[in-house]
Amino acid sequence: MDGHRGRATLPNVPERPEILSTARPTPIRLWGFLFLVAGAVVAGLGAVLDWATLGFPGDEQGTLDVAVKGVDVWEGKVVLASSALALLGMLAMRLVEGTETRRVLAFGIATLGALVIALALSVAMRADARFGGSEGLDEMAAGLAEQLGEDPASIRAELEEQVGDQLRVDVGVGVPVTVAGGVLIDVGGALGLLWVRQRTAAAAPGETAAADPSTAP
């Protein structure tokens, strides 16, 4: 007690994980959560929707059109996985305690959003080259074989003989839906970064006071 009369010493209590906190969430944290969840759901929905429709140039009615869903190509599978990872990243941000770890997770979520946007746009911009050639014939043959109950290899050979690689390719609604989901994930990640910075700024004065004995009561 000598030299320290009247000075109370508080135990160093570790910070509780954010997910266990009963405090009312700040607007930044709440909006970040809402944007991120909405973005993951929208991007995931976009991945299971049609990204392209393949058909014959002369088939104006689209009788034999074949839809290519996002999950039918590797880009769509990555989008679906990225949506799930973004949600896991949000959960991890609430569980971890380190500021730097939270910052890395928030940045990773924003990066996943950018990846979702880039993948969907890349498919849209090169849809003709991607699906109008050999890969498009493969997708067309597989779709027609499922509809007609025939062998995909024989249908593909017949398609190649009759139309070559001259297919009509239309970008599907799943692409803009996926892009919108990626934008929402991106915004959620950015708000997560802002939330981490806000928490760090709020904790800084208290940490400075604890580190400087001259400021102790």
C-alpha atoms as a PDB file:
ATOM      1  CA  MET A   1       0.000   0.000   0.000  1.00  0.00           C
ATOM      2  CA  ASP A   2       3.075   2.363   0.478  1.00  0.00           C
ATOM      3  CA  GLY A   3       3.004   5.078  -2.127  1.00  0.00           C
ATOM      4  CA  HIS A   4      -0.134   3.664  -3.588  1.00  0.00           C
ATOM      5  CA  ARG A   5      -2.679   4.485  -0.860  1.00  0.00           C
ATOM      6  CA  GLY A   6      -6.175   4.796  -2.287  1.00  0.00           C
ATOM      7  CA  ARG A   7      -5.178   3.386  -5.668  1.00  0.00           C
ATOM      8  CA  ALA A   8      -7.160   0.344  -6.737  1.00  0.00           C
ATOM      9  CA  THR A   9      -5.614  -2.280  -8.984  1.00  0.00           C
ATOM     10  CA  LEU A  10      -8.018  -3.923 -11.381  1.00  0.00           C
ATOM     11  CA  PRO A  11      -7.336  -7.373 -12.806  1.00  0.00           C
ATOM     12  CA  ASN A  12      -6.458  -7.576 -16.489  1.00  0.00           C
ATOM     13  CA  VAL A  13      -9.672  -9.064 -17.852  1.00  0.00           C
ATOM     14  CA  PRO A  14      -9.386 -10.302 -21.447  1.00  0.00           C
ATOM     15  CA  GLU A  15     -11.810  -8.907 -24.003  1.00  0.00           C
ATOM     16  CA  ARG A  16     -14.831 -11.121 -24.584  1.00  0.00           C
ATOM     17  CA  PRO A  17     -15.535 -12.333 -28.110  1.00  0.00           C
ATOM     18  CA  GLU A  18     -17.942  -9.961 -29.860  1.00  0.00           C
ATOM     19  CA  ILE A  19     -20.457 -12.751 -30.453  1.00  0.00           C
ATOM     20  CA  LEU A  20     -20.893 -13.107 -26.656  1.00  0.00           C
ATOM     21  CA  SER A  21     -21.479  -9.400 -26.139  1.00  0.00           C
ATOM     22  CA  THR A  22     -24.947  -8.363 -24.967  1.00  0.00           C
ATOM     23  CA  ALA A  23     -24.364  -4.720 -25.874  1.00  0.00           C
ATOM     24  CA  ARG A  24     -26.501  -3.157 -28.560  1.00  0.00           C
ATOM     25  CA  PRO A  25     -24.622  -3.329 -31.889  1.00  0.00           C
ATOM     26  CA  THR A  26     -23.400  -0.084 -33.390  1.00  0.00           C
ATOM     27  CA  PRO A  27     -25.020   1.052 -36.661  1.00  0.00           C
ATOM     28  CA  ILE A  28     -21.839   0.208 -38.588  1.00  0.00           C
ATOM     29  CA  ARG A  29     -21.740  -3.309 -37.192  1.00  0.00           C
ATOM     30  CA  LEU A  30     -25.467  -3.824 -37.831  1.00  0.00           C
ATOM     31  CA  TRP A  31     -25.387  -2.547 -41.410  1.00  0.00           C
ATOM     32  CA  GLY A  32     -22.221  -4.505 -42.122  1.00  0.00           C
ATOM     33  CA  PHE A  33     -23.965  -7.657 -40.937  1.00  0.00           C
ATOM     34  CA  LEU A  34     -27.072  -6.959 -43.028  1.00  0.00           C
ATOM     35  CA  PHE A  35     -25.133  -6.138 -46.194  1.00  0.00           C
ATOM     36  CA  LEU A  36     -22.934  -9.194 -45.818  1.00  0.00           C
ATOM     37  CA  VAL A  37     -25.755 -11.657 -45.194  1.00  0.00           C
ATOM     38  CA  ALA A  38     -27.839 -10.186 -48.025  1.00  0.00           C
ATOM     39  CA  GLY A  39     -24.852 -10.258 -50.361  1.00  0.00           C
ATOM     40  CA  ALA A  40     -24.001 -13.881 -49.596  1.00  0.00           C
ATOM     41  CA  VAL A  41     -27.616 -14.934 -50.136  1.00  0.00           C
ATOM     42  CA  VAL A  42     -27.966 -12.956 -53.388  1.00  0.00           C
ATOM     43  CA  ALA A  43     -24.623 -14.163 -54.776  1.00  0.00           C
ATOM     44  CA  GLY A  44     -25.465 -17.755 -53.855  1.00  0.00           C
ATOM     45  CA  LEU A  45     -28.845 -17.399 -55.553  1.00  0.00           C
ATOM     46  CA  GLY A  46     -27.170 -15.957 -58.634  1.00  0.00           C
ATOM     47  CA  ALA A  47     -24.820 -18.942 -58.793  1.00  0.00           C
ATOM     48  CA  VAL A  48     -27.712 -21.384 -59.114  1.00  0.00           C
ATOM     49  CA  LEU A  49     -29.568 -19.274 -61.701  1.00  0.00           C
ATOM     50  CA  ASP A  50     -28.898 -19.300 -65.459  1.00  0.00           C
ATOM     51  CA  TRP A  51     -25.647 -17.644 -66.500  1.00  0.00           C
ATOM     52  CA  ALA A  52     -26.101 -18.341 -70.197  1.00  0.00           C
ATOM     53  CA  THR A  53     -28.610 -19.782 -72.626  1.00  0.00           C
ATOM     54  CA  LEU A  54     -27.354 -21.738 -75.647  1.00  0.00           C
ATOM     55  CA  GLY A  55     -29.402 -22.234 -78.774  1.00  0.00           C
ATOM     56  CA  PHE A  56     -29.310 -22.522 -82.536  1.00  0.00           C
ATOM     57  CA  PRO A  57     -29.176 -19.255 -84.502  1.00  0.00           C
ATOM     58  CA  GLY A  58     -32.207 -20.206 -86.603  1.00  0.00           C
ATOM     59  CA  ASP A  59     -34.318 -21.335 -83.634  1.00  0.00           C
ATOM     60  CA  GLU A  60     -36.089 -18.059 -82.901  1.00  0.00           C
ATOM     61  CA  GLN A  61     -38.615 -19.732 -80.599  1.00  0.00           C
ATOM     62  CA  GLY A  62     -35.872 -21.244 -78.472  1.00  0.00           C
ATOM     63  CA  THR A  63     -37.387 -24.706 -78.689  1.00  0.00           C
ATOM     64  CA  LEU A  64     -34.056 -26.470 -78.160  1.00  0.00           C
ATOM     65  CA  ASP A  65     -32.412 -23.862 -75.933  1.00  0.00           C
ATOM     66  CA  VAL A  66     -30.219 -25.205 -73.145  1.00  0.00           C
ATOM     67  CA  ALA A  67     -29.564 -23.205 -69.974  1.00  0.00           C
ATOM     68  CA  VAL A  68     -26.140 -23.121 -68.344  1.00  0.00           C
ATOM     69  CA  LYS A  69     -26.380 -22.414 -64.633  1.00  0.00           C
ATOM     70  CA  GLY A  70     -23.602 -20.777 -62.685  1.00  0.00           C
ATOM     71  CA  VAL A  71     -22.802 -23.973 -60.816  1.00  0.00           C
ATOM     72  CA  ASP A  72     -22.416 -25.778 -64.157  1.00  0.00           C
ATOM     73  CA  VAL A  73     -19.088 -23.965 -64.659  1.00  0.00           C
ATOM     74  CA  TRP A  74     -16.140 -23.609 -62.312  1.00  0.00           C
ATOM     75  CA  GLU A  75     -16.654 -19.857 -61.886  1.00  0.00           C
ATOM     76  CA  GLY A  76     -20.121 -20.420 -60.459  1.00  0.00           C
ATOM     77  CA  LYS A  77     -18.823 -23.047 -58.050  1.00  0.00           C
ATOM     78  CA  VAL A  78     -16.189 -20.581 -56.817  1.00  0.00           C
ATOM     79  CA  VAL A  79     -18.897 -17.919 -56.379  1.00  0.00           C
ATOM     80  CA  LEU A  80     -20.972 -20.302 -54.272  1.00  0.00           C
ATOM     81  CA  ALA A  81     -17.957 -21.222 -52.143  1.00  0.00           C
ATOM     82  CA  SER A  82     -16.995 -17.547 -51.762  1.00  0.00           C
ATOM     83  CA  SER A  83     -20.496 -16.704 -50.513  1.00  0.00           C
ATOM     84  CA  ALA A  84     -20.230 -19.392 -47.840  1.00  0.00           C
ATOM     85  CA  LEU A  85     -16.719 -18.257 -46.884  1.00  0.00           C
ATOM     86  CA  ALA A  86     -17.910 -14.662 -46.516  1.00  0.00           C
ATOM     87  CA  LEU A  87     -20.509 -15.790 -43.978  1.00  0.00           C
ATOM     88  CA  LEU A  88     -17.908 -17.851 -42.119  1.00  0.00           C
ATOM     89  CA  GLY A  89     -15.577 -14.852 -42.139  1.00  0.00           C
ATOM     90  CA  MET A  90     -18.275 -12.705 -40.551  1.00  0.00           C
ATOM     91  CA  LEU A  91     -18.790 -15.323 -37.825  1.00  0.00           C
ATOM     92  CA  ALA A  92     -15.029 -15.536 -37.252  1.00  0.00           C
ATOM     93  CA  MET A  93     -14.844 -11.746 -36.819  1.00  0.00           C
ATOM     94  CA  ARG A  94     -17.280 -12.050 -33.928  1.00  0.00           C
ATOM     95  CA  LEU A  95     -15.364 -14.922 -32.320  1.00  0.00           C
ATOM     96  CA  VAL A  96     -11.769 -13.687 -32.485  1.00  0.00           C
ATOM     97  CA  GLU A  97     -10.427 -11.042 -30.118  1.00  0.00           C
ATOM     98  CA  GLY A  98      -7.354  -9.623 -31.870  1.00  0.00           C
ATOM     99  CA  THR A  99      -7.798  -6.339 -33.731  1.00  0.00           C
ATOM    100  CA  GLU A 100      -5.340  -7.294 -36.453  1.00  0.00           C
ATOM    101  CA  THR A 101      -7.038 -10.643 -36.991  1.00  0.00           C
ATOM    102  CA  ARG A 102     -10.398  -8.915 -37.316  1.00  0.00           C
ATOM    103  CA  ARG A 103      -8.911  -6.480 -39.810  1.00  0.00           C
ATOM    104  CA  VAL A 104      -7.511  -9.330 -41.913  1.00  0.00           C
ATOM    105  CA  LEU A 105     -10.854 -11.134 -41.864  1.00  0.00           C
ATOM    106  CA  ALA A 106     -12.753  -7.996 -42.914  1.00  0.00           C
ATOM    107  CA  PHE A 107     -10.299  -7.389 -45.730  1.00  0.00           C
ATOM    108  CA  GLY A 108     -10.666 -11.029 -46.781  1.00  0.00           C
ATOM    109  CA  ILE A 109     -14.461 -10.653 -46.918  1.00  0.00           C
ATOM    110  CA  ALA A 110     -14.139  -7.571 -49.124  1.00  0.00           C
ATOM    111  CA  THR A 111     -11.734  -9.493 -51.363  1.00  0.00           C
ATOM    112  CA  LEU A 112     -14.248 -12.331 -51.698  1.00  0.00           C
ATOM    113  CA  GLY A 113     -16.863  -9.809 -52.806  1.00  0.00           C
ATOM    114  CA  ALA A 114     -14.496  -8.455 -55.458  1.00  0.00           C
ATOM    115  CA  LEU A 115     -13.758 -12.013 -56.605  1.00  0.00           C
ATOM    116  CA  VAL A 116     -17.480 -12.765 -57.000  1.00  0.00           C
ATOM    117  CA  ILE A 117     -17.935  -9.641 -59.130  1.00  0.00           C
ATOM    118  CA  ALA A 118     -14.872 -10.375 -61.264  1.00  0.00           C
ATOM    119  CA  LEU A 119     -15.862 -13.976 -61.975  1.00  0.00           C
ATOM    120  CA  ALA A 120     -19.419 -13.126 -63.000  1.00  0.00           C
ATOM    121  CA  LEU A 121     -18.319 -10.236 -65.214  1.00  0.00           C
ATOM    122  CA  SER A 122     -15.586 -12.311 -66.832  1.00  0.00           C
ATOM    123  CA  VAL A 123     -18.132 -14.939 -67.877  1.00  0.00           C
ATOM    124  CA  ALA A 124     -20.483 -12.254 -69.220  1.00  0.00           C
ATOM    125  CA  MET A 125     -17.777 -10.479 -71.235  1.00  0.00           C
ATOM    126  CA  ARG A 126     -16.495 -13.626 -72.928  1.00  0.00           C
ATOM    127  CA  ALA A 127     -19.751 -15.566 -73.088  1.00  0.00           C
ATOM    128  CA  ASP A 128     -19.633 -15.961 -76.893  1.00  0.00           C
ATOM    129  CA  ALA A 129     -16.051 -17.217 -76.887  1.00  0.00           C
ATOM    130  CA  ARG A 130     -16.630 -19.376 -73.812  1.00  0.00           C
ATOM    131  CA  PHE A 131     -19.886 -21.071 -74.789  1.00  0.00           C
ATOM    132  CA  GLY A 132     -20.048 -20.560 -78.530  1.00  0.00           C
ATOM    133  CA  GLY A 133     -17.317 -23.115 -79.232  1.00  0.00           C
ATOM    134  CA  SER A 134     -16.400 -26.587 -78.046  1.00  0.00           C
ATOM    135  CA  GLU A 135     -17.468 -26.052 -74.441  1.00  0.00           C
ATOM    136  CA  GLY A 136     -20.825 -24.737 -75.612  1.00  0.00           C
ATOM    137  CA  LEU A 137     -21.343 -27.846 -77.734  1.00  0.00           C
ATOM    138  CA  ASP A 138     -20.563 -29.998 -74.718  1.00  0.00           C
ATOM    139  CA  GLU A 139     -23.140 -28.148 -72.615  1.00  0.00           C
ATOM    140  CA  MET A 140     -25.680 -28.234 -75.446  1.00  0.00           C
ATOM    141  CA  ALA A 141     -25.205 -31.966 -76.013  1.00  0.00           C
ATOM    142  CA  ALA A 142     -25.491 -32.731 -72.307  1.00  0.00           C
ATOM    143  CA  GLY A 143     -28.682 -30.685 -71.999  1.00  0.00           C
ATOM    144  CA  LEU A 144     -30.324 -32.200 -75.066  1.00  0.00           C
ATOM    145  CA  ALA A 145     -29.286 -35.700 -74.028  1.00  0.00           C
ATOM    146  CA  GLU A 146     -31.009 -35.184 -70.682  1.00  0.00           C
ATOM    147  CA  GLN A 147     -34.157 -33.909 -72.404  1.00  0.00           C
ATOM    148  CA  LEU A 148     -34.269 -36.616 -75.057  1.00  0.00           C
ATOM    149  CA  GLY A 149     -32.850 -39.500 -73.048  1.00  0.00           C
ATOM    150  CA  GLU A 150     -30.088 -40.205 -75.568  1.00  0.00           C
ATOM    151  CA  ASP A 151     -26.319 -40.615 -75.518  1.00  0.00           C
ATOM    152  CA  PRO A 152     -24.540 -37.219 -75.117  1.00  0.00           C
ATOM    153  CA  ALA A 153     -21.609 -38.322 -77.308  1.00  0.00           C
ATOM    154  CA  SER A 154     -23.807 -39.145 -80.287  1.00  0.00           C
ATOM    155  CA  ILE A 155     -25.783 -35.927 -79.926  1.00  0.00           C
ATOM    156  CA  ARG A 156     -22.575 -33.900 -79.730  1.00  0.00           C
ATOM    157  CA  ALA A 157     -21.217 -35.529 -82.877  1.00  0.00           C
ATOM    158  CA  GLU A 158     -24.448 -34.752 -84.705  1.00  0.00           C
ATOM    159  CA  LEU A 159     -24.438 -31.150 -83.487  1.00  0.00           C
ATOM    160  CA  GLU A 160     -20.843 -30.645 -84.572  1.00  0.00           C
ATOM    161  CA  GLU A 161     -21.626 -32.037 -88.001  1.00  0.00           C
ATOM    162  CA  GLN A 162     -24.722 -29.893 -88.511  1.00  0.00           C
ATOM    163  CA  VAL A 163     -23.898 -26.544 -86.922  1.00  0.00           C
ATOM    164  CA  GLY A 164     -20.178 -26.648 -86.120  1.00  0.00           C
ATOM    165  CA  ASP A 165     -19.580 -24.098 -83.383  1.00  0.00           C
ATOM    166  CA  GLN A 166     -22.221 -21.599 -84.543  1.00  0.00           C
ATOM    167  CA  LEU A 167     -24.358 -21.369 -81.427  1.00  0.00           C
ATOM    168  CA  ARG A 168     -26.445 -18.503 -80.119  1.00  0.00           C
ATOM    169  CA  VAL A 169     -25.289 -17.425 -76.678  1.00  0.00           C
ATOM    170  CA  ASP A 170     -27.417 -15.182 -74.435  1.00  0.00           C
ATOM    171  CA  VAL A 171     -26.211 -14.017 -71.030  1.00  0.00           C
ATOM    172  CA  GLY A 172     -28.589 -15.171 -68.282  1.00  0.00           C
ATOM    173  CA  VAL A 173     -30.152 -13.317 -65.374  1.00  0.00           C
ATOM    174  CA  GLY A 174     -27.872 -15.098 -62.914  1.00  0.00           C
ATOM    175  CA  VAL A 175     -24.900 -12.946 -63.926  1.00  0.00           C
ATOM    176  CA  PRO A 176     -26.278  -9.539 -62.839  1.00  0.00           C
ATOM    177  CA  VAL A 177     -27.776 -11.126 -59.713  1.00  0.00           C
ATOM    178  CA  THR A 178     -24.347 -12.536 -58.826  1.00  0.00           C
ATOM    179  CA  VAL A 179     -22.667  -9.171 -59.470  1.00  0.00           C
ATOM    180  CA  ALA A 180     -25.197  -7.471 -57.175  1.00  0.00           C
ATOM    181  CA  GLY A 181     -24.437 -10.034 -54.466  1.00  0.00           C
ATOM    182  CA  GLY A 182     -20.721  -9.426 -54.837  1.00  0.00           C
ATOM    183  CA  VAL A 183     -21.223  -5.682 -54.442  1.00  0.00           C
ATOM    184  CA  LEU A 184     -23.209  -6.227 -51.248  1.00  0.00           C
ATOM    185  CA  ILE A 185     -20.503  -8.535 -49.869  1.00  0.00           C
ATOM    186  CA  ASP A 186     -17.912  -5.903 -50.748  1.00  0.00           C
ATOM    187  CA  VAL A 187     -19.856  -3.232 -48.880  1.00  0.00           C
ATOM    188  CA  GLY A 188     -20.258  -5.567 -45.909  1.00  0.00           C
ATOM    189  CA  GLY A 189     -16.490  -6.162 -45.835  1.00  0.00           C
ATOM    190  CA  ALA A 190     -15.776  -2.438 -46.059  1.00  0.00           C
ATOM    191  CA  LEU A 191     -18.155  -1.737 -43.172  1.00  0.00           C
ATOM    192  CA  GLY A 192     -16.411  -4.522 -41.256  1.00  0.00           C
ATOM    193  CA  LEU A 193     -13.086  -2.732 -41.722  1.00  0.00           C
ATOM    194  CA  LEU A 194     -14.700   0.506 -40.565  1.00  0.00           C
ATOM    195  CA  TRP A 195     -16.126  -1.265 -37.520  1.00  0.00           C
ATOM    196  CA  VAL A 196     -12.683  -2.620 -36.564  1.00  0.00           C
ATOM    197  CA  ARG A 197     -11.175   0.853 -36.935  1.00  0.00           C
ATOM    198  CA  GLN A 198     -13.989   2.320 -34.829  1.00  0.00           C
ATOM    199  CA  ARG A 199     -13.389  -0.205 -32.047  1.00  0.00           C
ATOM    200  CA  THR A 200      -9.651   0.424 -32.145  1.00  0.00           C
ATOM    201  CA  ALA A 201     -10.137   4.197 -31.917  1.00  0.00           C
ATOM    202  CA  ALA A 202     -12.586   3.819 -29.023  1.00  0.00           C
ATOM    203  CA  ALA A 203     -10.184   1.559 -27.084  1.00  0.00           C
ATOM    204  CA  ALA A 204      -7.056   3.660 -27.725  1.00  0.00           C
ATOM    205  CA  PRO A 205      -7.611   6.371 -25.037  1.00  0.00           C
ATOM    206  CA  GLY A 206      -8.176   3.758 -22.330  1.00  0.00           C
ATOM    207  CA  GLU A 207      -5.091   1.811 -23.368  1.00  0.00           C
ATOM    208  CA  THR A 208      -2.962   4.969 -23.320  1.00  0.00           C
ATOM    209  CA  ALA A 209      -4.147   5.848 -19.852  1.00  0.00           C
ATOM    210  CA  ALA A 210      -3.378   2.361 -18.555  1.00  0.00           C
ATOM    211  CA  ALA A 211       0.107   2.451 -20.043  1.00  0.00           C
ATOM    212  CA  ASP A 212       1.013   5.843 -18.488  1.00  0.00           C
ATOM    213  CA  PRO A 213       1.263   5.648 -14.647  1.00  0.00           C
ATOM    214  CA  SER A 214       1.098   9.469 -14.381  1.00  0.00           C
ATOM    215  CA  THR A 215      -2.530   9.371 -15.607  1.00  0.00           C
ATOM    216  CA  ALA A 216      -3.620   6.883 -12.936  1.00  0.00           C
ATOM    217  CA  PRO A 217      -5.994   8.230 -10.247  1.00  0.00           C
END
